Amino acid sequence: MAGVLFLVSTPIGNLNDLSRRAVDTLQSVDWIACEDTRQTAKLLEAYAIRKPTRSLHEHNEAGLAESIVEEIAGGARVALVSDGGTPLISDPGFRLVRLATEQGLSVVPIPGASAPLAALAASGLPTDAFYFAGFLPPRGGARRTALEDLRAIPATLLLFEAPHRILETLDDMRVVLGDRKMAAGRELTKMHEEFLRGTISEVLAALSARASIRGEFTLVVDRHAPAPEPASPGGLAAEVEAEMAAGAPRMDAIKTVARRHGMGKRDLYQALSGTSPTRKH
């Protein structure tokens, strides 16, 4: 008789958030696949769960998935956990689950803590439609390109970000998405849990004023950018000059201001020069 693969959600900070069903499941399985066995050991110790653990992370999952599925097909009951939250959500496990489902094996989710949903619920922003984008690319150019792809999505955006990149990411969000309303959840469910709410610029200013920034962030961003006020040629020129004064090359400054106002670069050139598009005959 085939076994079962359980996807067990674990606390994202507060150990008391582990459900009774999750405890019963972890106590019933043959062994537990962990993103980090050392991290999971703390949770198991807190609940007096004595089960073998094996490491399953992004670097070894491709090589181990097949053998784990073979064990489950042979009758093993295996639990998959991440370091915190719901497995597979910006965490390892997709290859394993896909292979298990392709083999027709039973995959059972054990719901629980989820940082994106916790932040969304407390954000004060619309919850009827949302899009989870996980971590943005770490490099500026790729990050801005990813944000360009997210800009037109008609849903509240959910993202993760690390403390050492949060200021750069918020600045890129302000430029690419517009100065939308947002909420930044930091250290969710932990002792120093914090929410910062306001526009992207306001949250960026609040964090920029701090001597240091610690803790992982879950960002919730409104789906609608505020309607920009019509800009005069003089106002556009002033914005370009401000970007250049901040160190941006002229072409980059023009590109930034054009994007901010939903304009093409050629349209901005024409607005700055006061010319109309040239028609070709």
C-alpha atoms as a PDB file:
ATOM      1  CA  MET A   1       0.000   0.000   0.000  1.00  0.00           C
ATOM      2  CA  ALA A   2       1.363   3.439  -0.987  1.00  0.00           C
ATOM      3  CA  GLY A   3       2.248   5.930   1.695  1.00  0.00           C
ATOM      4  CA  VAL A   4       1.535   9.653   1.947  1.00  0.00           C
ATOM      5  CA  LEU A   5       3.433  12.904   1.495  1.00  0.00           C
ATOM      6  CA  PHE A   6       2.237  15.499   4.012  1.00  0.00           C
ATOM      7  CA  LEU A   7       2.976  19.190   3.427  1.00  0.00           C
ATOM      8  CA  VAL A   8       3.064  20.567   6.958  1.00  0.00           C
ATOM      9  CA  SER A   9       2.926  24.325   7.556  1.00  0.00           C
ATOM     10  CA  THR A  10       5.120  25.464  10.441  1.00  0.00           C
ATOM     11  CA  PRO A  11       5.298  28.712  12.450  1.00  0.00           C
ATOM     12  CA  ILE A  12       6.903  31.757  10.819  1.00  0.00           C
ATOM     13  CA  GLY A  13       8.120  33.030  14.168  1.00  0.00           C
ATOM     14  CA  ASN A  14       5.846  32.216  17.090  1.00  0.00           C
ATOM     15  CA  LEU A  15       6.122  28.519  17.969  1.00  0.00           C
ATOM     16  CA  ASN A  16       2.587  28.565  19.383  1.00  0.00           C
ATOM     17  CA  ASP A  17       1.235  28.862  15.839  1.00  0.00           C
ATOM     18  CA  LEU A  18       1.800  25.164  15.083  1.00  0.00           C
ATOM     19  CA  SER A  19      -1.641  23.568  14.765  1.00  0.00           C
ATOM     20  CA  ARG A  20      -2.795  20.522  16.700  1.00  0.00           C
ATOM     21  CA  ARG A  21      -3.257  18.673  13.426  1.00  0.00           C
ATOM     22  CA  ALA A  22       0.300  19.534  12.385  1.00  0.00           C
ATOM     23  CA  VAL A  23       1.641  18.138  15.674  1.00  0.00           C
ATOM     24  CA  ASP A  24      -0.362  14.928  15.270  1.00  0.00           C
ATOM     25  CA  THR A  25       0.855  14.555  11.687  1.00  0.00           C
ATOM     26  CA  LEU A  26       4.524  15.075  12.546  1.00  0.00           C
ATOM     27  CA  GLN A  27       4.217  12.529  15.344  1.00  0.00           C
ATOM     28  CA  SER A  28       2.660   9.975  12.990  1.00  0.00           C
ATOM     29  CA  VAL A  29       5.079  10.019  10.039  1.00  0.00           C
ATOM     30  CA  ASP A  30       8.094   7.803   9.471  1.00  0.00           C
ATOM     31  CA  TRP A  31      10.451  10.729   8.896  1.00  0.00           C
ATOM     32  CA  ILE A  32      10.504  14.461   8.161  1.00  0.00           C
ATOM     33  CA  ALA A  33      12.097  16.210   5.172  1.00  0.00           C
ATOM     34  CA  CYS A  34      13.423  19.608   6.321  1.00  0.00           C
ATOM     35  CA  GLU A  35      14.785  22.669   4.602  1.00  0.00           C
ATOM     36  CA  ASP A  36      17.238  22.991   7.513  1.00  0.00           C
ATOM     37  CA  THR A  37      17.364  20.142  10.019  1.00  0.00           C
ATOM     38  CA  ARG A  38      18.840  22.414  12.690  1.00  0.00           C
ATOM     39  CA  GLN A  39      15.940  24.853  12.427  1.00  0.00           C
ATOM     40  CA  THR A  40      13.337  22.093  12.430  1.00  0.00           C
ATOM     41  CA  ALA A  41      15.024  20.456  15.443  1.00  0.00           C
ATOM     42  CA  LYS A  42      14.077  23.479  17.563  1.00  0.00           C
ATOM     43  CA  LEU A  43      10.419  23.094  16.622  1.00  0.00           C
ATOM     44  CA  LEU A  44      10.373  19.339  17.197  1.00  0.00           C
ATOM     45  CA  GLU A  45      12.059  19.763  20.576  1.00  0.00           C
ATOM     46  CA  ALA A  46       9.448  22.331  21.637  1.00  0.00           C
ATOM     47  CA  TYR A  47       6.671  19.799  20.954  1.00  0.00           C
ATOM     48  CA  ALA A  48       8.556  16.698  22.118  1.00  0.00           C
ATOM     49  CA  ILE A  49       8.359  15.144  18.652  1.00  0.00           C
ATOM     50  CA  ARG A  50      10.939  12.392  18.198  1.00  0.00           C
ATOM     51  CA  LYS A  51      11.186  11.618  14.501  1.00  0.00           C
ATOM     52  CA  PRO A  52      14.134  11.205  12.106  1.00  0.00           C
ATOM     53  CA  THR A  53      14.841  14.192   9.876  1.00  0.00           C
ATOM     54  CA  ARG A  54      16.576  14.523   6.525  1.00  0.00           C
ATOM     55  CA  SER A  55      17.729  17.633   4.722  1.00  0.00           C
ATOM     56  CA  LEU A  56      15.844  18.620   1.557  1.00  0.00           C
ATOM     57  CA  HIS A  57      16.770  22.024   0.148  1.00  0.00           C
ATOM     58  CA  GLU A  58      17.068  23.798  -3.190  1.00  0.00           C
ATOM     59  CA  HIS A  59      20.526  22.368  -3.865  1.00  0.00           C
ATOM     60  CA  ASN A  60      19.739  18.675  -3.329  1.00  0.00           C
ATOM     61  CA  GLU A  61      16.025  18.391  -4.072  1.00  0.00           C
ATOM     62  CA  ALA A  62      16.441  17.471  -7.742  1.00  0.00           C
ATOM     63  CA  GLY A  63      18.696  14.568  -6.821  1.00  0.00           C
ATOM     64  CA  LEU A  64      16.634  13.292  -3.876  1.00  0.00           C
ATOM     65  CA  ALA A  65      13.055  13.684  -5.107  1.00  0.00           C
ATOM     66  CA  GLU A  66      12.959  10.415  -7.030  1.00  0.00           C
ATOM     67  CA  SER A  67      14.257   8.281  -4.148  1.00  0.00           C
ATOM     68  CA  ILE A  68      11.825   9.916  -1.701  1.00  0.00           C
ATOM     69  CA  VAL A  69       8.918   9.247  -4.028  1.00  0.00           C
ATOM     70  CA  GLU A  70      10.025   5.619  -4.301  1.00  0.00           C
ATOM     71  CA  GLU A  71       9.924   5.349  -0.511  1.00  0.00           C
ATOM     72  CA  ILE A  72       6.432   6.854  -0.403  1.00  0.00           C
ATOM     73  CA  ALA A  73       5.269   4.522  -3.171  1.00  0.00           C
ATOM     74  CA  GLY A  74       6.564   1.663  -1.029  1.00  0.00           C
ATOM     75  CA  GLY A  75       4.434   2.726   1.933  1.00  0.00           C
ATOM     76  CA  ALA A  76       6.423   5.425   3.750  1.00  0.00           C
ATOM     77  CA  ARG A  77       4.607   8.315   5.408  1.00  0.00           C
ATOM     78  CA  VAL A  78       6.762  11.424   4.933  1.00  0.00           C
ATOM     79  CA  ALA A  79       6.242  15.017   6.107  1.00  0.00           C
ATOM     80  CA  LEU A  80       7.770  17.961   4.267  1.00  0.00           C
ATOM     81  CA  VAL A  81       8.400  21.170   6.230  1.00  0.00           C
ATOM     82  CA  SER A  82      10.226  24.403   5.468  1.00  0.00           C
ATOM     83  CA  ASP A  83      12.014  26.630   7.953  1.00  0.00           C
ATOM     84  CA  GLY A  84       8.778  28.537   8.454  1.00  0.00           C
ATOM     85  CA  GLY A  85       5.384  28.890   6.811  1.00  0.00           C
ATOM     86  CA  THR A  86       3.772  26.785   4.113  1.00  0.00           C
ATOM     87  CA  PRO A  87       6.109  24.481   2.146  1.00  0.00           C
ATOM     88  CA  LEU A  88       6.809  25.412  -1.494  1.00  0.00           C
ATOM     89  CA  ILE A  89       5.863  29.093  -0.994  1.00  0.00           C
ATOM     90  CA  SER A  90       9.262  30.605  -1.896  1.00  0.00           C
ATOM     91  CA  ASP A  91      10.697  27.432  -0.357  1.00  0.00           C
ATOM     92  CA  PRO A  92      11.848  24.012  -1.660  1.00  0.00           C
ATOM     93  CA  GLY A  93       9.486  21.144  -2.425  1.00  0.00           C
ATOM     94  CA  PHE A  94       8.004  21.774  -5.867  1.00  0.00           C
ATOM     95  CA  ARG A  95      10.008  19.056  -7.634  1.00  0.00           C
ATOM     96  CA  LEU A  96       9.101  16.525  -4.959  1.00  0.00           C
ATOM     97  CA  VAL A  97       5.398  17.347  -5.010  1.00  0.00           C
ATOM     98  CA  ARG A  98       5.219  17.397  -8.799  1.00  0.00           C
ATOM     99  CA  LEU A  99       6.887  13.997  -9.036  1.00  0.00           C
ATOM    100  CA  ALA A 100       4.639  12.546  -6.316  1.00  0.00           C
ATOM    101  CA  THR A 101       1.487  13.766  -8.060  1.00  0.00           C
ATOM    102  CA  GLU A 102       2.715  12.475 -11.412  1.00  0.00           C
ATOM    103  CA  GLN A 103       3.103   9.057  -9.783  1.00  0.00           C
ATOM    104  CA  GLY A 104      -0.464   9.240  -8.484  1.00  0.00           C
ATOM    105  CA  LEU A 105       0.618   9.310  -4.838  1.00  0.00           C
ATOM    106  CA  SER A 106      -1.380  10.954  -2.055  1.00  0.00           C
ATOM    107  CA  VAL A 107      -0.209  14.491  -1.243  1.00  0.00           C
ATOM    108  CA  VAL A 108      -1.967  15.990   1.782  1.00  0.00           C
ATOM    109  CA  PRO A 109      -1.601  19.667   2.798  1.00  0.00           C
ATOM    110  CA  ILE A 110      -1.697  20.522   6.501  1.00  0.00           C
ATOM    111  CA  PRO A 111      -2.519  24.260   6.475  1.00  0.00           C
ATOM    112  CA  GLY A 112      -1.094  26.759   8.898  1.00  0.00           C
ATOM    113  CA  ALA A 113       1.052  29.871   9.120  1.00  0.00           C
ATOM    114  CA  SER A 114       1.709  31.863   5.953  1.00  0.00           C
ATOM    115  CA  ALA A 115       3.563  35.183   5.951  1.00  0.00           C
ATOM    116  CA  PRO A 116       1.940  36.549   2.751  1.00  0.00           C
ATOM    117  CA  LEU A 117      -1.599  35.875   3.977  1.00  0.00           C
ATOM    118  CA  ALA A 118      -0.871  37.202   7.473  1.00  0.00           C
ATOM    119  CA  ALA A 119       0.516  40.442   6.040  1.00  0.00           C
ATOM    120  CA  LEU A 120      -2.332  40.791   3.543  1.00  0.00           C
ATOM    121  CA  ALA A 121      -4.994  40.353   6.218  1.00  0.00           C
ATOM    122  CA  ALA A 122      -3.457  43.059   8.420  1.00  0.00           C
ATOM    123  CA  SER A 123      -2.476  45.464   5.629  1.00  0.00           C
ATOM    124  CA  GLY A 124      -5.707  47.407   5.306  1.00  0.00           C
ATOM    125  CA  LEU A 125      -5.499  46.954   1.523  1.00  0.00           C
ATOM    126  CA  PRO A 126      -7.968  45.095  -0.734  1.00  0.00           C
ATOM    127  CA  THR A 127      -7.990  41.327  -0.232  1.00  0.00           C
ATOM    128  CA  ASP A 128     -10.440  40.229  -2.925  1.00  0.00           C
ATOM    129  CA  ALA A 129      -7.698  39.593  -5.501  1.00  0.00           C
ATOM    130  CA  PHE A 130      -3.970  39.298  -4.826  1.00  0.00           C
ATOM    131  CA  TYR A 131      -0.806  38.191  -6.609  1.00  0.00           C
ATOM    132  CA  PHE A 132       2.161  36.647  -4.776  1.00  0.00           C
ATOM    133  CA  ALA A 133       5.468  37.411  -6.476  1.00  0.00           C
ATOM    134  CA  GLY A 134       7.891  36.141  -3.818  1.00  0.00           C
ATOM    135  CA  PHE A 135      11.374  37.671  -3.856  1.00  0.00           C
ATOM    136  CA  LEU A 136      12.246  40.118  -6.611  1.00  0.00           C
ATOM    137  CA  PRO A 137      15.619  39.702  -8.387  1.00  0.00           C
ATOM    138  CA  PRO A 138      18.477  41.069  -6.264  1.00  0.00           C
ATOM    139  CA  ARG A 139      20.070  43.183  -9.013  1.00  0.00           C
ATOM    140  CA  GLY A 140      18.608  46.564  -9.868  1.00  0.00           C
ATOM    141  CA  GLY A 141      18.063  46.136 -13.601  1.00  0.00           C
ATOM    142  CA  ALA A 142      16.397  42.740 -13.307  1.00  0.00           C
ATOM    143  CA  ARG A 143      14.361  43.941 -10.331  1.00  0.00           C
ATOM    144  CA  ARG A 144      12.984  46.920 -12.246  1.00  0.00           C
ATOM    145  CA  THR A 145      12.138  44.688 -15.198  1.00  0.00           C
ATOM    146  CA  ALA A 146      10.235  42.346 -12.863  1.00  0.00           C
ATOM    147  CA  LEU A 147       8.353  45.310 -11.404  1.00  0.00           C
ATOM    148  CA  GLU A 148       7.440  46.455 -14.913  1.00  0.00           C
ATOM    149  CA  ASP A 149       5.784  43.056 -15.417  1.00  0.00           C
ATOM    150  CA  LEU A 150       3.869  43.446 -12.138  1.00  0.00           C
ATOM    151  CA  ARG A 151       2.697  47.005 -12.787  1.00  0.00           C
ATOM    152  CA  ALA A 152      -0.401  46.134 -14.826  1.00  0.00           C
ATOM    153  CA  ILE A 153      -1.607  43.210 -12.697  1.00  0.00           C
ATOM    154  CA  PRO A 154      -5.083  44.137 -11.363  1.00  0.00           C
ATOM    155  CA  ALA A 155      -4.517  42.709  -7.888  1.00  0.00           C
ATOM    156  CA  THR A 156      -2.892  43.559  -4.579  1.00  0.00           C
ATOM    157  CA  LEU A 157       0.781  42.583  -4.802  1.00  0.00           C
ATOM    158  CA  LEU A 158       2.550  40.466  -2.175  1.00  0.00           C
ATOM    159  CA  LEU A 159       6.346  40.291  -2.062  1.00  0.00           C
ATOM    160  CA  PHE A 160       9.192  39.247   0.202  1.00  0.00           C
ATOM    161  CA  GLU A 161      12.354  41.285   0.735  1.00  0.00           C
ATOM    162  CA  ALA A 162      15.519  41.039   2.799  1.00  0.00           C
ATOM    163  CA  PRO A 163      16.523  43.886   5.137  1.00  0.00           C
ATOM    164  CA  HIS A 164      19.733  44.719   3.251  1.00  0.00           C
ATOM    165  CA  ARG A 165      17.812  45.299   0.001  1.00  0.00           C
ATOM    166  CA  ILE A 166      14.590  46.854   1.282  1.00  0.00           C
ATOM    167  CA  LEU A 167      15.530  50.496   0.606  1.00  0.00           C
ATOM    168  CA  GLU A 168      16.648  49.847  -2.971  1.00  0.00           C
ATOM    169  CA  THR A 169      13.546  47.765  -3.643  1.00  0.00           C
ATOM    170  CA  LEU A 170      11.162  50.393  -2.261  1.00  0.00           C
ATOM    171  CA  ASP A 171      12.839  53.077  -4.351  1.00  0.00           C
ATOM    172  CA  ASP A 172      12.465  50.957  -7.486  1.00  0.00           C
ATOM    173  CA  MET A 173       8.848  50.246  -6.585  1.00  0.00           C
ATOM    174  CA  ARG A 174       8.152  53.965  -6.212  1.00  0.00           C
ATOM    175  CA  VAL A 175       9.608  54.712  -9.630  1.00  0.00           C
ATOM    176  CA  VAL A 176       8.147  51.770 -11.555  1.00  0.00           C
ATOM    177  CA  LEU A 177       4.796  51.192  -9.843  1.00  0.00           C
ATOM    178  CA  GLY A 178       4.042  54.763  -8.859  1.00  0.00           C
ATOM    179  CA  ASP A 179       3.608  55.969  -5.287  1.00  0.00           C
ATOM    180  CA  ARG A 180       0.949  53.445  -4.328  1.00  0.00           C
ATOM    181  CA  LYS A 181      -0.398  52.717  -0.875  1.00  0.00           C
ATOM    182  CA  MET A 182       1.353  49.835   0.832  1.00  0.00           C
ATOM    183  CA  ALA A 183       2.051  48.022   4.078  1.00  0.00           C
ATOM    184  CA  ALA A 184       5.387  46.544   5.100  1.00  0.00           C
ATOM    185  CA  GLY A 185       5.229  43.754   7.661  1.00  0.00           C
ATOM    186  CA  ARG A 186       8.483  43.101   9.522  1.00  0.00           C
ATOM    187  CA  GLU A 187       9.287  40.175  11.831  1.00  0.00           C
ATOM    188  CA  LEU A 188       5.728  38.815  11.549  1.00  0.00           C
ATOM    189  CA  THR A 189       4.468  36.911  14.638  1.00  0.00           C
ATOM    190  CA  LYS A 190       7.765  37.574  16.448  1.00  0.00           C
ATOM    191  CA  MET A 191       8.465  39.728  19.497  1.00  0.00           C
ATOM    192  CA  HIS A 192       9.337  42.811  17.431  1.00  0.00           C
ATOM    193  CA  GLU A 193       6.558  42.476  14.854  1.00  0.00           C
ATOM    194  CA  GLU A 194       5.896  45.765  13.100  1.00  0.00           C
ATOM    195  CA  PHE A 195       3.703  47.150  10.328  1.00  0.00           C
ATOM    196  CA  LEU A 196       4.509  50.320   8.434  1.00  0.00           C
ATOM    197  CA  ARG A 197       1.603  51.667   6.379  1.00  0.00           C
ATOM    198  CA  GLY A 198       1.347  54.586   3.970  1.00  0.00           C
ATOM    199  CA  THR A 199       2.550  55.350   0.481  1.00  0.00           C
ATOM    200  CA  ILE A 200       5.691  53.704  -0.836  1.00  0.00           C
ATOM    201  CA  SER A 201       7.511  57.025  -0.399  1.00  0.00           C
ATOM    202  CA  GLU A 202       6.356  57.316   3.219  1.00  0.00           C
ATOM    203  CA  VAL A 203       7.464  53.803   4.117  1.00  0.00           C
ATOM    204  CA  LEU A 204      10.784  54.371   2.330  1.00  0.00           C
ATOM    205  CA  ALA A 205      11.339  57.613   4.258  1.00  0.00           C
ATOM    206  CA  ALA A 206      10.525  55.950   7.591  1.00  0.00           C
ATOM    207  CA  LEU A 207      12.986  53.114   7.009  1.00  0.00           C
ATOM    208  CA  SER A 208      15.671  55.386   5.556  1.00  0.00           C
ATOM    209  CA  ALA A 209      15.677  57.369   8.792  1.00  0.00           C
ATOM    210  CA  ARG A 210      16.703  54.318  10.838  1.00  0.00           C
ATOM    211  CA  ALA A 211      20.282  53.646  11.830  1.00  0.00           C
ATOM    212  CA  SER A 212      19.862  49.974  10.954  1.00  0.00           C
ATOM    213  CA  ILE A 213      17.190  47.745   9.485  1.00  0.00           C
ATOM    214  CA  ARG A 214      16.697  44.181  10.641  1.00  0.00           C
ATOM    215  CA  GLY A 215      14.225  41.399   9.991  1.00  0.00           C
ATOM    216  CA  GLU A 216      12.612  39.958   6.892  1.00  0.00           C
ATOM    217  CA  PHE A 217       9.888  41.994   5.209  1.00  0.00           C
ATOM    218  CA  THR A 218       6.586  40.986   3.653  1.00  0.00           C
ATOM    219  CA  LEU A 219       5.363  43.782   1.388  1.00  0.00           C
ATOM    220  CA  VAL A 220       1.727  44.366   0.457  1.00  0.00           C
ATOM    221  CA  VAL A 221       1.200  46.889  -2.351  1.00  0.00           C
ATOM    222  CA  ASP A 222      -2.084  48.348  -3.557  1.00  0.00           C
ATOM    223  CA  ARG A 223      -3.168  47.440  -7.066  1.00  0.00           C
ATOM    224  CA  HIS A 224      -3.843  50.988  -8.172  1.00  0.00           C
ATOM    225  CA  ALA A 225      -1.292  53.732  -8.621  1.00  0.00           C
ATOM    226  CA  PRO A 226      -2.626  57.199  -7.830  1.00  0.00           C
ATOM    227  CA  ALA A 227      -3.671  59.087 -10.937  1.00  0.00           C
ATOM    228  CA  PRO A 228      -0.768  61.394 -11.805  1.00  0.00           C
ATOM    229  CA  GLU A 229      -1.533  65.073 -12.093  1.00  0.00           C
ATOM    230  CA  PRO A 230      -0.981  66.472 -15.570  1.00  0.00           C
ATOM    231  CA  ALA A 231       2.591  67.688 -15.705  1.00  0.00           C
ATOM    232  CA  SER A 232       3.643  70.873 -17.455  1.00  0.00           C
ATOM    233  CA  PRO A 233       6.791  70.933 -19.606  1.00  0.00           C
ATOM    234  CA  GLY A 234       8.404  73.047 -16.903  1.00  0.00           C
ATOM    235  CA  GLY A 235       7.477  70.507 -14.220  1.00  0.00           C
ATOM    236  CA  LEU A 236       8.805  67.623 -16.307  1.00  0.00           C
ATOM    237  CA  ALA A 237      12.052  69.483 -16.925  1.00  0.00           C
ATOM    238  CA  ALA A 238      12.397  70.112 -13.203  1.00  0.00           C
ATOM    239  CA  GLU A 239      11.934  66.404 -12.472  1.00  0.00           C
ATOM    240  CA  VAL A 240      14.597  65.486 -15.018  1.00  0.00           C
ATOM    241  CA  GLU A 241      16.972  68.035 -13.474  1.00  0.00           C
ATOM    242  CA  ALA A 242      16.251  66.632  -9.996  1.00  0.00           C
ATOM    243  CA  GLU A 243      17.067  63.095 -11.120  1.00  0.00           C
ATOM    244  CA  MET A 244      20.307  64.334 -12.703  1.00  0.00           C
ATOM    245  CA  ALA A 245      21.193  66.268  -9.562  1.00  0.00           C
ATOM    246  CA  ALA A 246      20.800  63.008  -7.636  1.00  0.00           C
ATOM    247  CA  GLY A 247      23.435  61.453  -9.888  1.00  0.00           C
ATOM    248  CA  ALA A 248      21.467  59.882 -12.736  1.00  0.00           C
ATOM    249  CA  PRO A 249      22.827  60.289 -16.295  1.00  0.00           C
ATOM    250  CA  ARG A 250      20.575  62.393 -18.516  1.00  0.00           C
ATOM    251  CA  MET A 251      19.214  59.440 -20.493  1.00  0.00           C
ATOM    252  CA  ASP A 252      18.428  57.505 -17.310  1.00  0.00           C
ATOM    253  CA  ALA A 253      16.793  60.602 -15.804  1.00  0.00           C
ATOM    254  CA  ILE A 254      14.564  61.019 -18.858  1.00  0.00           C
ATOM    255  CA  LYS A 255      13.654  57.325 -18.810  1.00  0.00           C
ATOM    256  CA  THR A 256      12.753  57.496 -15.096  1.00  0.00           C
ATOM    257  CA  VAL A 257      10.564  60.588 -15.446  1.00  0.00           C
ATOM    258  CA  ALA A 258       8.856  59.210 -18.559  1.00  0.00           C
ATOM    259  CA  ARG A 259       8.030  55.960 -16.751  1.00  0.00           C
ATOM    260  CA  ARG A 260       6.759  57.880 -13.731  1.00  0.00           C
ATOM    261  CA  HIS A 261       4.212  59.715 -15.893  1.00  0.00           C
ATOM    262  CA  GLY A 262       3.306  56.787 -18.116  1.00  0.00           C
ATOM    263  CA  MET A 263       4.980  58.403 -21.121  1.00  0.00           C
ATOM    264  CA  GLY A 264       7.299  57.137 -23.802  1.00  0.00           C
ATOM    265  CA  LYS A 265      10.770  58.680 -23.961  1.00  0.00           C
ATOM    266  CA  ARG A 266       9.935  60.299 -27.307  1.00  0.00           C
ATOM    267  CA  ASP A 267       6.787  61.847 -25.839  1.00  0.00           C
ATOM    268  CA  LEU A 268       8.807  63.305 -22.999  1.00  0.00           C
ATOM    269  CA  TYR A 269      11.378  64.743 -25.402  1.00  0.00           C
ATOM    270  CA  GLN A 270       8.551  66.413 -27.290  1.00  0.00           C
ATOM    271  CA  ALA A 271       6.983  67.765 -24.111  1.00  0.00           C
ATOM    272  CA  LEU A 272      10.315  69.198 -22.974  1.00  0.00           C
ATOM    273  CA  SER A 273      10.967  70.801 -26.323  1.00  0.00           C
ATOM    274  CA  GLY A 274       7.386  71.920 -26.860  1.00  0.00           C
ATOM    275  CA  THR A 275       7.265  70.219 -30.274  1.00  0.00           C
ATOM    276  CA  SER A 276       4.583  68.067 -31.818  1.00  0.00           C
ATOM    277  CA  PRO A 277       5.230  64.634 -33.306  1.00  0.00           C
ATOM    278  CA  THR A 278       6.679  64.878 -36.766  1.00  0.00           C
ATOM    279  CA  ARG A 279       4.520  63.232 -39.381  1.00  0.00           C
ATOM    280  CA  LYS A 280       6.162  61.471 -42.262  1.00  0.00           C
ATOM    281  CA  HIS A 281       4.580  61.827 -45.683  1.00  0.00           C
END
